[in-house]
Amino acid sequence: MATEDQAETDRLWNAIVGNGGRESACGWCKDKWGVSWQITPRVLTDTVNGPDRAAAKRAFEAMLEMTKIDVARIEAARRG
């Protein structure tokens, strides 16, 4: 599920995890019924798929260390 910003990411993540769900890695979580969701801010997708391959690598590596995606950390990784 693509999100526009940290507020939307937090809202969706908290709705799933806070209602009997479970956190996982790299923006993935499971709802209380066991359905998996990936909550992905557009800045991550745009950076990973963008023309700057060094920024893409940094953003991807930052994402690997996260459960819920932190937009500020992705933006910092993108900038280098």
N, C-alpha and C. Protein backbone atom coordinates (compact mmCIF):
# COMPACT_ATOMS: atom_id res chain seq x y z
N MET A 1 0.84 -1.16 0.00
CA MET A 1 0.00 0.00 0.00
C MET A 1 0.90 1.23 0.00
N ALA A 2 0.79 2.05 -1.00
CA ALA A 2 1.61 3.26 -1.13
C ALA A 2 1.01 4.39 -0.29
N THR A 3 1.89 5.10 0.40
CA THR A 3 1.46 6.23 1.22
C THR A 3 2.19 7.49 0.76
N GLU A 4 1.58 8.63 1.06
CA GLU A 4 2.13 9.91 0.63
C GLU A 4 3.15 10.51 1.59
N ASP A 5 3.02 10.20 2.88
CA ASP A 5 3.89 10.83 3.87
C ASP A 5 3.92 9.98 5.15
N GLN A 6 4.68 10.47 6.13
CA GLN A 6 4.82 9.71 7.39
C GLN A 6 3.50 9.62 8.14
N ALA A 7 2.71 10.68 8.10
CA ALA A 7 1.42 10.66 8.81
C ALA A 7 0.52 9.55 8.27
N GLU A 8 0.44 9.42 6.96
CA GLU A 8 -0.40 8.36 6.38
C GLU A 8 0.20 6.98 6.65
N THR A 9 1.52 6.88 6.58
CA THR A 9 2.20 5.62 6.90
C THR A 9 1.88 5.22 8.33
N ASP A 10 2.03 6.15 9.27
CA ASP A 10 1.75 5.87 10.68
C ASP A 10 0.29 5.47 10.89
N ARG A 11 -0.61 6.18 10.26
CA ARG A 11 -2.05 5.91 10.43
C ARG A 11 -2.39 4.49 9.99
N LEU A 12 -1.93 4.11 8.81
CA LEU A 12 -2.23 2.76 8.32
C LEU A 12 -1.53 1.69 9.14
N TRP A 13 -0.26 1.91 9.44
CA TRP A 13 0.51 0.95 10.24
C TRP A 13 -0.15 0.74 11.59
N ASN A 14 -0.49 1.83 12.26
CA ASN A 14 -1.09 1.73 13.58
C ASN A 14 -2.47 1.08 13.53
N ALA A 15 -3.21 1.31 12.46
CA ALA A 15 -4.53 0.68 12.31
C ALA A 15 -4.40 -0.84 12.19
N ILE A 16 -3.37 -1.29 11.51
CA ILE A 16 -3.17 -2.73 11.33
C ILE A 16 -2.52 -3.36 12.55
N VAL A 17 -1.37 -2.84 12.94
CA VAL A 17 -0.61 -3.42 14.06
C VAL A 17 -1.32 -3.18 15.39
N GLY A 18 -1.93 -2.02 15.54
CA GLY A 18 -2.59 -1.69 16.80
C GLY A 18 -3.93 -2.36 17.00
N ASN A 19 -4.38 -3.09 15.99
CA ASN A 19 -5.68 -3.77 16.08
C ASN A 19 -5.49 -5.29 16.01
N GLY A 20 -4.48 -5.77 16.74
CA GLY A 20 -4.25 -7.21 16.80
C GLY A 20 -3.28 -7.74 15.77
N GLY A 21 -2.64 -6.85 15.00
CA GLY A 21 -1.69 -7.29 13.99
C GLY A 21 -0.29 -7.42 14.55
N ARG A 22 0.66 -7.71 13.65
CA ARG A 22 2.05 -7.88 14.05
C ARG A 22 2.97 -7.17 13.08
N GLU A 23 4.03 -6.58 13.63
CA GLU A 23 5.06 -5.94 12.82
C GLU A 23 5.96 -7.00 12.19
N SER A 24 6.54 -6.65 11.06
CA SER A 24 7.56 -7.48 10.43
C SER A 24 8.63 -6.53 9.90
N ALA A 25 9.46 -6.98 9.01
CA ALA A 25 10.57 -6.18 8.50
C ALA A 25 10.19 -5.45 7.21
N CYS A 26 10.93 -4.37 6.94
CA CYS A 26 10.87 -3.66 5.65
C CYS A 26 9.49 -3.15 5.28
N GLY A 27 8.75 -2.66 6.26
CA GLY A 27 7.44 -2.09 5.99
C GLY A 27 6.31 -3.10 5.94
N TRP A 28 6.61 -4.36 6.21
CA TRP A 28 5.59 -5.40 6.20
C TRP A 28 4.97 -5.57 7.58
N CYS A 29 3.69 -5.87 7.59
CA CYS A 29 2.98 -6.20 8.82
C CYS A 29 1.84 -7.15 8.46
N LYS A 30 1.30 -7.80 9.47
CA LYS A 30 0.15 -8.70 9.28
C LYS A 30 -1.00 -8.20 10.11
N ASP A 31 -2.19 -8.24 9.53
CA ASP A 31 -3.37 -7.86 10.30
C ASP A 31 -3.80 -9.04 11.18
N LYS A 32 -4.83 -8.81 11.98
CA LYS A 32 -5.26 -9.83 12.94
C LYS A 32 -5.79 -11.10 12.28
N TRP A 33 -6.06 -11.04 10.98
CA TRP A 33 -6.54 -12.22 10.25
C TRP A 33 -5.40 -12.94 9.53
N GLY A 34 -4.19 -12.42 9.66
CA GLY A 34 -3.03 -13.05 9.04
C GLY A 34 -2.72 -12.57 7.63
N VAL A 35 -3.42 -11.55 7.17
CA VAL A 35 -3.17 -10.99 5.83
C VAL A 35 -1.97 -10.04 5.92
N SER A 36 -0.99 -10.23 5.04
CA SER A 36 0.21 -9.40 5.03
C SER A 36 -0.01 -8.13 4.22
N TRP A 37 0.55 -7.04 4.71
CA TRP A 37 0.49 -5.73 4.06
C TRP A 37 1.88 -5.14 4.06
N GLN A 38 2.24 -4.45 2.99
CA GLN A 38 3.45 -3.66 3.00
C GLN A 38 3.05 -2.20 2.86
N ILE A 39 3.37 -1.43 3.88
CA ILE A 39 3.06 -0.01 3.91
C ILE A 39 4.32 0.72 3.43
N THR A 40 4.26 1.28 2.23
CA THR A 40 5.45 1.82 1.57
C THR A 40 5.25 3.28 1.18
N PRO A 41 5.96 4.19 1.85
CA PRO A 41 5.89 5.59 1.44
C PRO A 41 6.42 5.76 0.00
N ARG A 42 5.79 6.62 -0.76
CA ARG A 42 6.19 6.85 -2.15
C ARG A 42 7.64 7.30 -2.28
N VAL A 43 8.15 8.02 -1.28
CA VAL A 43 9.54 8.48 -1.35
C VAL A 43 10.48 7.29 -1.45
N LEU A 44 10.17 6.20 -0.79
CA LEU A 44 11.01 5.00 -0.88
C LEU A 44 10.94 4.40 -2.27
N THR A 45 9.75 4.20 -2.77
CA THR A 45 9.57 3.62 -4.11
C THR A 45 10.21 4.51 -5.18
N ASP A 46 9.97 5.81 -5.09
CA ASP A 46 10.52 6.73 -6.07
C ASP A 46 12.05 6.73 -6.04
N THR A 47 12.62 6.67 -4.85
CA THR A 47 14.08 6.69 -4.73
C THR A 47 14.69 5.38 -5.24
N VAL A 48 14.13 4.26 -4.83
CA VAL A 48 14.67 2.97 -5.25
C VAL A 48 14.56 2.78 -6.76
N ASN A 49 13.53 3.32 -7.37
CA ASN A 49 13.33 3.18 -8.81
C ASN A 49 13.87 4.36 -9.61
N GLY A 50 14.48 5.31 -8.93
CA GLY A 50 14.97 6.51 -9.60
C GLY A 50 16.29 6.31 -10.31
N PRO A 51 16.73 7.34 -11.05
CA PRO A 51 17.95 7.24 -11.86
C PRO A 51 19.25 7.26 -11.04
N ASP A 52 19.22 7.79 -9.82
CA ASP A 52 20.42 7.87 -8.99
C ASP A 52 20.60 6.53 -8.28
N ARG A 53 21.44 5.66 -8.86
CA ARG A 53 21.59 4.31 -8.33
C ARG A 53 22.26 4.30 -6.96
N ALA A 54 23.13 5.26 -6.66
CA ALA A 54 23.77 5.32 -5.34
C ALA A 54 22.72 5.68 -4.29
N ALA A 55 21.85 6.63 -4.59
CA ALA A 55 20.78 7.00 -3.66
C ALA A 55 19.82 5.83 -3.47
N ALA A 56 19.53 5.13 -4.55
CA ALA A 56 18.64 3.96 -4.47
C ALA A 56 19.22 2.91 -3.53
N LYS A 57 20.50 2.66 -3.66
CA LYS A 57 21.17 1.67 -2.81
C LYS A 57 21.13 2.09 -1.34
N ARG A 58 21.42 3.36 -1.08
CA ARG A 58 21.39 3.85 0.30
C ARG A 58 19.99 3.75 0.90
N ALA A 59 18.98 4.14 0.13
CA ALA A 59 17.60 4.08 0.63
C ALA A 59 17.18 2.63 0.88
N PHE A 60 17.53 1.73 -0.03
CA PHE A 60 17.18 0.32 0.13
C PHE A 60 17.86 -0.25 1.37
N GLU A 61 19.13 0.05 1.56
CA GLU A 61 19.85 -0.44 2.73
C GLU A 61 19.27 0.12 4.03
N ALA A 62 18.84 1.36 4.01
CA ALA A 62 18.20 1.94 5.19
C ALA A 62 16.89 1.22 5.49
N MET A 63 16.11 0.93 4.43
CA MET A 63 14.84 0.24 4.60
C MET A 63 15.03 -1.14 5.23
N LEU A 64 16.12 -1.81 4.89
CA LEU A 64 16.36 -3.16 5.41
C LEU A 64 16.51 -3.18 6.93
N GLU A 65 16.82 -2.04 7.54
CA GLU A 65 17.00 -1.95 8.98
C GLU A 65 15.71 -1.57 9.71
N MET A 66 14.62 -1.37 8.98
CA MET A 66 13.38 -0.86 9.56
C MET A 66 12.30 -1.93 9.66
N THR A 67 11.36 -1.68 10.57
CA THR A 67 10.09 -2.40 10.54
C THR A 67 9.15 -1.44 9.80
N LYS A 68 8.53 -0.50 10.52
CA LYS A 68 7.74 0.55 9.85
C LYS A 68 8.72 1.50 9.17
N ILE A 69 8.42 1.90 7.95
CA ILE A 69 9.32 2.77 7.19
C ILE A 69 9.29 4.18 7.77
N ASP A 70 10.47 4.72 7.99
CA ASP A 70 10.66 6.06 8.52
C ASP A 70 11.04 6.98 7.35
N VAL A 71 10.12 7.83 6.96
CA VAL A 71 10.31 8.71 5.80
C VAL A 71 11.55 9.59 5.97
N ALA A 72 11.77 10.15 7.14
CA ALA A 72 12.91 11.04 7.36
C ALA A 72 14.23 10.29 7.15
N ARG A 73 14.30 9.06 7.60
CA ARG A 73 15.52 8.26 7.41
C ARG A 73 15.73 7.91 5.94
N ILE A 74 14.65 7.63 5.21
CA ILE A 74 14.77 7.36 3.77
C ILE A 74 15.24 8.61 3.05
N GLU A 75 14.66 9.76 3.38
CA GLU A 75 15.08 11.01 2.74
C GLU A 75 16.55 11.33 3.05
N ALA A 76 16.98 11.08 4.29
CA ALA A 76 18.38 11.30 4.66
C ALA A 76 19.30 10.36 3.87
N ALA A 77 18.91 9.12 3.73
CA ALA A 77 19.70 8.15 2.96
C ALA A 77 19.76 8.57 1.49
N ARG A 78 18.66 9.05 0.99
CA ARG A 78 18.62 9.50 -0.42
C ARG A 78 19.62 10.63 -0.66
N ARG A 79 19.68 11.55 0.29
CA ARG A 79 20.59 12.70 0.16
C ARG A 79 22.05 12.30 0.36
N GLY A 80 22.26 11.19 1.06
CA GLY A 80 23.64 10.74 1.28
C GLY A 80 24.17 11.22 2.56
